């Protein structure tokens, strides 16, 4: 099969850290599914893995953790809920120990033994990959494969950020940055009755925010026209922290997500049709997709298709 590997982490575009080569199709282990990849979203975390901002956990790893696939084979043991031919999703969280104090209290995203798709194990920048059945996801109907892929990280983590923002009912939400995650979380907030104010730099991103129903759209340094009840900072720009925190807001960070977050968000996507803005790239163009992500050349999300 064709698969991309991070051979030497470094800057995309100039250092060429990703290498595409033929590798054997993996065998599913006990409790695992073998997925034939139908689509894989391109996430900023993939960029961090590729450029070395995240330390190497698996040398030569295949990135990608927003994976839509079809089950081609199942391993031995418990693969409850999935059979050959089913469509399934693989996300960032790949495993936890299930017994630490974090897992027991429902915060498995903080498990010190957690592992991650496309970092600790090979991910979806490939034609095939494996995923533990207990961490695979049933996917909502009514979406194409390319539309589903960004839901599996950008959508889930944006949903968790919105929950942690503690936005009151009918509240006023400020969103800084409007990429793959923000444009999905904003639609959840709007569906829940929020007033949305978006501050972002890209002209295409601002137009997307307007088309989705934002009441105010401005540049990253612009002040919203009314006080905000909550704000979410999606843009990787430290200078935006102060304006986002104005008016005595509390700081809350988001680390990964739980499977319950994923189930809640995917159920929401089933009952509320989300508009998912995607830009499709061939699998062979994964390095270009990452470079375009880094340079901010597209709005919404990029998706690789084998």
Protein backbone atom coordinates (compact mmCIF):
# COMPACT_ATOMS: atom_id res chain seq x y z
CA UNK A 1 0.00 0.00 0.00
CA UNK A 2 0.99 3.64 -0.35
CA UNK A 3 1.70 5.48 2.89
CA UNK A 4 3.44 8.68 3.99
CA UNK A 5 6.05 8.51 6.76
CA UNK A 6 7.72 11.20 8.86
CA UNK A 7 11.32 10.10 8.28
CA UNK A 8 13.06 13.26 9.50
CA UNK A 9 10.85 15.79 11.30
CA UNK A 10 11.39 19.29 9.97
CA UNK A 11 9.76 22.20 8.15
CA UNK A 12 7.28 21.27 5.44
CA UNK A 13 7.77 22.91 2.08
CA UNK A 14 11.55 23.12 2.35
CA UNK A 15 12.80 20.23 4.47
CA UNK A 16 10.53 17.56 2.92
CA UNK A 17 10.08 15.61 6.16
CA UNK A 18 7.33 13.41 4.66
CA UNK A 19 8.27 10.51 2.40
CA UNK A 20 5.78 8.39 0.46
CA UNK A 21 6.61 4.74 -0.10
CA UNK A 22 5.09 1.29 -0.53
CA UNK A 23 4.62 -0.57 2.76
CA UNK A 24 2.81 -3.79 3.67
CA UNK A 25 -0.88 -3.63 4.55
CA UNK A 26 -1.01 -3.99 8.36
CA UNK A 27 -2.69 -6.96 10.03
CA UNK A 28 -5.33 -6.10 12.65
CA UNK A 29 -4.28 -7.19 16.11
CA UNK A 30 -6.59 -8.51 18.84
CA UNK A 31 -9.61 -6.23 19.18
CA UNK A 32 -8.60 -4.16 16.15
CA UNK A 33 -10.21 -3.26 12.84
CA UNK A 34 -8.39 -2.99 9.53
CA UNK A 35 -9.74 0.05 7.70
CA UNK A 36 -9.41 0.79 4.01
CA UNK A 37 -9.04 4.55 4.14
CA UNK A 38 -11.72 6.48 2.23
CA UNK A 39 -10.74 9.95 3.44
CA UNK A 40 -8.38 11.50 5.99
CA UNK A 41 -8.55 15.06 7.25
CA UNK A 42 -5.43 17.21 7.49
CA UNK A 43 -5.07 18.59 11.01
CA UNK A 44 -2.66 21.11 12.49
CA UNK A 45 -1.54 18.38 14.90
CA UNK A 46 -0.30 16.43 11.86
CA UNK A 47 1.82 19.48 11.09
CA UNK A 48 3.22 19.44 14.64
CA UNK A 49 4.10 15.74 14.32
CA UNK A 50 5.68 16.26 10.90
CA UNK A 51 7.71 19.34 11.82
CA UNK A 52 8.88 17.95 15.17
CA UNK A 53 6.93 20.35 17.41
CA UNK A 54 5.65 17.18 19.07
CA UNK A 55 8.42 14.79 20.12
CA UNK A 56 8.85 11.60 18.14
CA UNK A 57 6.87 8.75 19.67
CA UNK A 58 7.09 6.30 16.74
CA UNK A 59 9.98 6.77 14.30
CA UNK A 60 8.75 6.95 10.72
CA UNK A 61 5.13 7.27 11.82
CA UNK A 62 2.32 7.73 9.30
CA UNK A 63 0.34 10.85 10.35
CA UNK A 64 -3.42 11.33 10.14
CA UNK A 65 -6.17 10.97 12.73
CA UNK A 66 -9.37 12.21 11.06
CA UNK A 67 -9.98 8.95 9.25
CA UNK A 68 -13.08 7.64 7.52
CA UNK A 69 -12.73 4.07 6.36
CA UNK A 70 -14.51 0.82 5.58
CA UNK A 71 -13.79 -2.28 7.67
CA UNK A 72 -11.84 -4.76 5.55
CA UNK A 73 -10.93 -7.26 8.29
CA UNK A 74 -11.23 -7.72 12.04
CA UNK A 75 -8.76 -9.10 14.53
CA UNK A 76 -9.39 -11.72 17.16
CA UNK A 77 -11.21 -10.92 20.37
CA UNK A 78 -13.84 -8.26 21.03
CA UNK A 79 -14.72 -6.08 18.06
CA UNK A 80 -18.28 -5.43 19.21
CA UNK A 81 -20.36 -3.18 17.01
CA UNK A 82 -18.36 -3.54 13.79
CA UNK A 83 -18.30 -6.02 10.94
CA UNK A 84 -16.55 -6.27 7.59
CA UNK A 85 -18.11 -3.74 5.20
CA UNK A 86 -19.10 -1.21 7.89
CA UNK A 87 -18.02 2.42 7.61
CA UNK A 88 -16.06 3.50 10.70
CA UNK A 89 -14.07 6.47 11.93
CA UNK A 90 -10.69 6.68 13.66
CA UNK A 91 -9.84 9.76 15.72
CA UNK A 92 -6.88 11.15 17.68
CA UNK A 93 -7.44 9.18 20.90
CA UNK A 94 -6.40 5.58 20.21
CA UNK A 95 -6.21 3.96 23.65
CA UNK A 96 -6.21 4.56 27.40
CA UNK A 97 -5.56 2.29 30.37
CA UNK A 98 -9.17 2.50 31.61
CA UNK A 99 -8.14 2.23 35.25
CA UNK A 100 -6.28 5.39 36.25
CA UNK A 101 -7.96 8.09 38.32
CA UNK A 102 -8.61 10.16 35.20
CA UNK A 103 -10.28 7.34 33.30
CA UNK A 104 -12.37 6.40 36.33
CA UNK A 105 -13.71 9.94 36.70
CA UNK A 106 -14.56 10.22 32.98
CA UNK A 107 -11.52 12.29 31.96
CA UNK A 108 -9.81 9.68 29.79
CA UNK A 109 -8.32 12.46 27.64
CA UNK A 110 -5.92 13.08 30.56
CA UNK A 111 -4.90 9.42 30.96
CA UNK A 112 -1.10 9.29 31.39
CA UNK A 113 -1.01 6.03 29.43
CA UNK A 114 -3.06 7.33 26.50
CA UNK A 115 -1.88 6.75 22.94
CA UNK A 116 -2.74 8.64 19.78
CA UNK A 117 -3.44 7.86 16.14
CA UNK A 118 -0.79 9.24 13.80
CA UNK A 119 1.68 9.79 16.64
CA UNK A 120 2.02 6.57 18.66
CA UNK A 121 0.61 4.38 15.88
CA UNK A 122 0.35 4.76 12.12
CA UNK A 123 -2.57 6.87 10.94
CA UNK A 124 -4.57 7.70 7.86
CA UNK A 125 -2.10 9.25 5.41
CA UNK A 126 -2.19 5.81 3.82
CA UNK A 127 -4.44 3.40 1.97
CA UNK A 128 -4.98 1.17 5.03
CA UNK A 129 -4.64 1.49 8.80
CA UNK A 130 -5.72 -0.29 11.99
CA UNK A 131 -7.76 1.06 14.89
CA UNK A 132 -8.87 -0.56 18.16
CA UNK A 133 -12.59 -1.30 17.80
CA UNK A 134 -13.23 0.17 21.27
CA UNK A 135 -11.92 3.53 20.02
CA UNK A 136 -13.50 3.50 16.56
CA UNK A 137 -16.60 5.57 15.89
CA UNK A 138 -19.93 5.01 14.23
CA UNK A 139 -20.51 7.82 11.74
CA UNK A 140 -23.64 9.90 11.06
CA UNK A 141 -25.55 9.35 7.83
CA UNK A 142 -26.11 12.01 5.20
CA UNK A 143 -22.50 13.14 4.81
CA UNK A 144 -19.89 12.26 2.21
CA UNK A 145 -16.63 10.63 3.30
CA UNK A 146 -14.76 13.90 2.81
CA UNK A 147 -17.32 15.83 4.88
CA UNK A 148 -17.10 13.29 7.70
CA UNK A 149 -13.32 13.33 8.04
CA UNK A 150 -12.96 16.80 9.67
CA UNK A 151 -15.70 15.95 12.14
CA UNK A 152 -13.41 13.35 13.72
CA UNK A 153 -10.98 15.86 15.22
CA UNK A 154 -11.73 19.45 14.20
CA UNK A 155 -15.38 18.87 15.00
CA UNK A 156 -14.90 16.90 18.21
CA UNK A 157 -12.25 19.17 19.75
CA UNK A 158 -14.24 22.27 18.80
CA UNK A 159 -17.28 20.75 20.47
CA UNK A 160 -15.27 20.10 23.64
CA UNK A 161 -13.95 23.67 23.59
CA UNK A 162 -17.51 24.96 23.29
CA UNK A 163 -18.60 22.86 26.26
CA UNK A 164 -15.72 24.17 28.35
CA UNK A 165 -16.53 27.75 27.37
CA UNK A 166 -19.65 27.53 29.59
CA UNK A 167 -21.64 29.74 27.24
CA UNK A 168 -24.97 30.66 28.88
CA UNK A 169 -28.20 29.92 27.05
CA UNK A 170 -28.66 32.51 24.31
CA UNK A 171 -25.22 33.89 25.10
CA UNK A 172 -22.77 35.91 23.03
CA UNK A 173 -19.79 33.90 21.82
CA UNK A 174 -16.57 35.32 20.43
CA UNK A 175 -14.50 33.11 18.13
CA UNK A 176 -10.90 34.05 17.28
CA UNK A 177 -9.69 32.29 14.14
CA UNK A 178 -12.06 30.52 11.78
CA UNK A 179 -10.52 27.36 10.39
CA UNK A 180 -11.59 23.73 10.32
CA UNK A 181 -12.50 23.45 14.01
CA UNK A 182 -13.98 26.91 14.52
CA UNK A 183 -16.37 26.74 11.58
CA UNK A 184 -17.88 23.53 12.98
CA UNK A 185 -18.06 24.55 16.65
CA UNK A 186 -19.65 27.86 15.62
CA UNK A 187 -22.49 26.02 13.91
CA UNK A 188 -23.16 24.05 17.10
CA UNK A 189 -23.27 27.30 19.09
CA UNK A 190 -25.64 28.92 16.57
CA UNK A 191 -27.92 25.89 16.63
CA UNK A 192 -28.05 26.23 20.42
CA UNK A 193 -29.20 29.84 20.14
CA UNK A 194 -25.95 31.75 20.59
CA UNK A 195 -25.04 35.06 18.98
CA UNK A 196 -21.74 34.60 17.15
CA UNK A 197 -18.97 37.18 16.75
CA UNK A 198 -15.96 36.10 14.67
CA UNK A 199 -12.55 37.78 14.63
CA UNK A 200 -10.19 36.32 12.03
CA UNK A 201 -7.60 37.49 9.52
CA UNK A 202 -8.40 35.69 6.25
CA UNK A 203 -10.84 37.24 3.79
CA UNK A 204 -12.16 33.81 2.78
CA UNK A 205 -12.56 32.78 6.41
CA UNK A 206 -14.49 35.99 7.15
CA UNK A 207 -16.79 35.33 4.20
CA UNK A 208 -17.37 31.78 5.43
CA UNK A 209 -18.26 33.10 8.90
CA UNK A 210 -20.80 35.50 7.41
CA UNK A 211 -22.34 32.75 5.28
CA UNK A 212 -22.80 30.54 8.35
CA UNK A 213 -24.66 33.24 10.30
CA UNK A 214 -22.17 35.24 12.33
CA UNK A 215 -23.68 38.51 13.58
CA UNK A 216 -20.32 40.29 13.46
CA UNK A 217 -17.19 39.46 11.49
CA UNK A 218 -13.99 41.45 11.85
CA UNK A 219 -10.22 41.25 11.88
CA UNK A 220 -8.29 39.63 14.73
CA UNK A 221 -7.61 42.98 16.45
CA UNK A 222 -11.20 44.29 16.13
CA UNK A 223 -13.41 44.54 19.18
CA UNK A 224 -16.83 42.90 18.95
CA UNK A 225 -19.76 45.35 19.01
CA UNK A 226 -21.08 44.05 22.35
CA UNK A 227 -19.65 42.40 25.48
CA UNK A 228 -19.05 38.67 25.11
CA UNK A 229 -20.19 36.01 27.54
CA UNK A 230 -17.50 33.56 26.41
CA UNK A 231 -14.68 33.45 23.89
CA UNK A 232 -12.82 30.59 22.23
CA UNK A 233 -9.34 31.15 20.84
CA UNK A 234 -8.79 28.82 17.87
CA UNK A 235 -6.05 30.85 16.17
CA UNK A 236 -2.45 29.82 17.08
CA UNK A 237 -1.57 33.45 17.89
CA UNK A 238 -0.48 34.34 21.41
CA UNK A 239 -1.17 38.06 20.96
CA UNK A 240 -4.91 37.30 20.80
CA UNK A 241 -5.03 35.94 24.34
CA UNK A 242 -5.42 39.39 25.96
CA UNK A 243 -8.34 40.62 23.84
CA UNK A 244 -10.03 37.23 24.15
CA UNK A 245 -9.71 37.42 27.97
CA UNK A 246 -10.97 40.97 28.42
CA UNK A 247 -13.83 41.45 30.94
CA UNK A 248 -12.61 39.03 33.62
CA UNK A 249 -12.97 35.76 31.77
CA UNK A 250 -11.53 32.57 33.19
CA UNK A 251 -8.86 30.71 31.24
CA UNK A 252 -9.65 27.10 30.35
CA UNK A 253 -7.56 24.92 28.11
CA UNK A 254 -8.58 21.88 26.10
CA UNK A 255 -6.54 18.69 25.90
CA UNK A 256 -7.59 16.07 23.37
CA UNK A 257 -11.10 14.69 23.82
CA UNK A 258 -12.96 11.78 25.33
CA UNK A 259 -14.94 9.15 23.44
CA UNK A 260 -18.05 10.58 25.08
CA UNK A 261 -17.29 13.97 23.49
CA UNK A 262 -17.07 12.20 20.13
CA UNK A 263 -20.35 10.33 20.62
CA UNK A 264 -22.16 13.52 21.67
CA UNK A 265 -20.81 15.56 18.77
CA UNK A 266 -21.44 12.89 16.12
CA UNK A 267 -24.99 12.47 17.45
CA UNK A 268 -25.43 16.24 17.11
CA UNK A 269 -24.14 16.06 13.53
CA UNK A 270 -26.75 13.38 12.83
CA UNK A 271 -29.63 15.49 14.12
CA UNK A 272 -28.35 18.88 12.86
CA UNK A 273 -26.98 18.95 9.33
CA UNK A 274 -23.63 20.75 9.50
CA UNK A 275 -22.10 22.61 6.58
CA UNK A 276 -18.57 21.21 6.28
CA UNK A 277 -16.20 23.22 4.08
CA UNK A 278 -13.59 20.88 2.63
CA UNK A 279 -10.79 21.12 0.10
CA UNK A 280 -9.89 17.77 -1.41
CA UNK A 281 -6.32 16.65 -2.11
CA UNK A 282 -5.11 13.36 -3.57
CA UNK A 283 -3.19 11.18 -1.12
CA UNK A 284 -0.10 11.78 -3.26
CA UNK A 285 -0.35 15.50 -2.40
CA UNK A 286 -0.27 15.14 1.40
CA UNK A 287 2.92 17.18 1.69
CA UNK A 288 1.37 20.01 -0.33
CA UNK A 289 -1.79 19.90 1.80
CA UNK A 290 0.26 20.34 4.97
CA UNK A 291 2.20 23.20 3.41
CA UNK A 292 -1.07 24.88 2.37
CA UNK A 293 -2.41 24.42 5.90
CA UNK A 294 0.69 26.02 7.40
CA UNK A 295 0.45 28.96 5.00
CA UNK A 296 -3.30 29.45 5.54
CA UNK A 297 -4.12 29.01 1.86
CA UNK A 298 -7.61 27.60 2.39
CA UNK A 299 -10.64 28.08 4.59
CA UNK A 300 -12.40 25.17 6.28
CA UNK A 301 -10.50 21.88 6.21
CA UNK A 302 -8.29 19.90 3.84
CA UNK A 303 -9.01 16.22 3.23
CA UNK A 304 -6.83 13.55 1.61
CA UNK A 305 -8.49 10.96 -0.61
CA UNK A 306 -6.57 7.81 -1.67
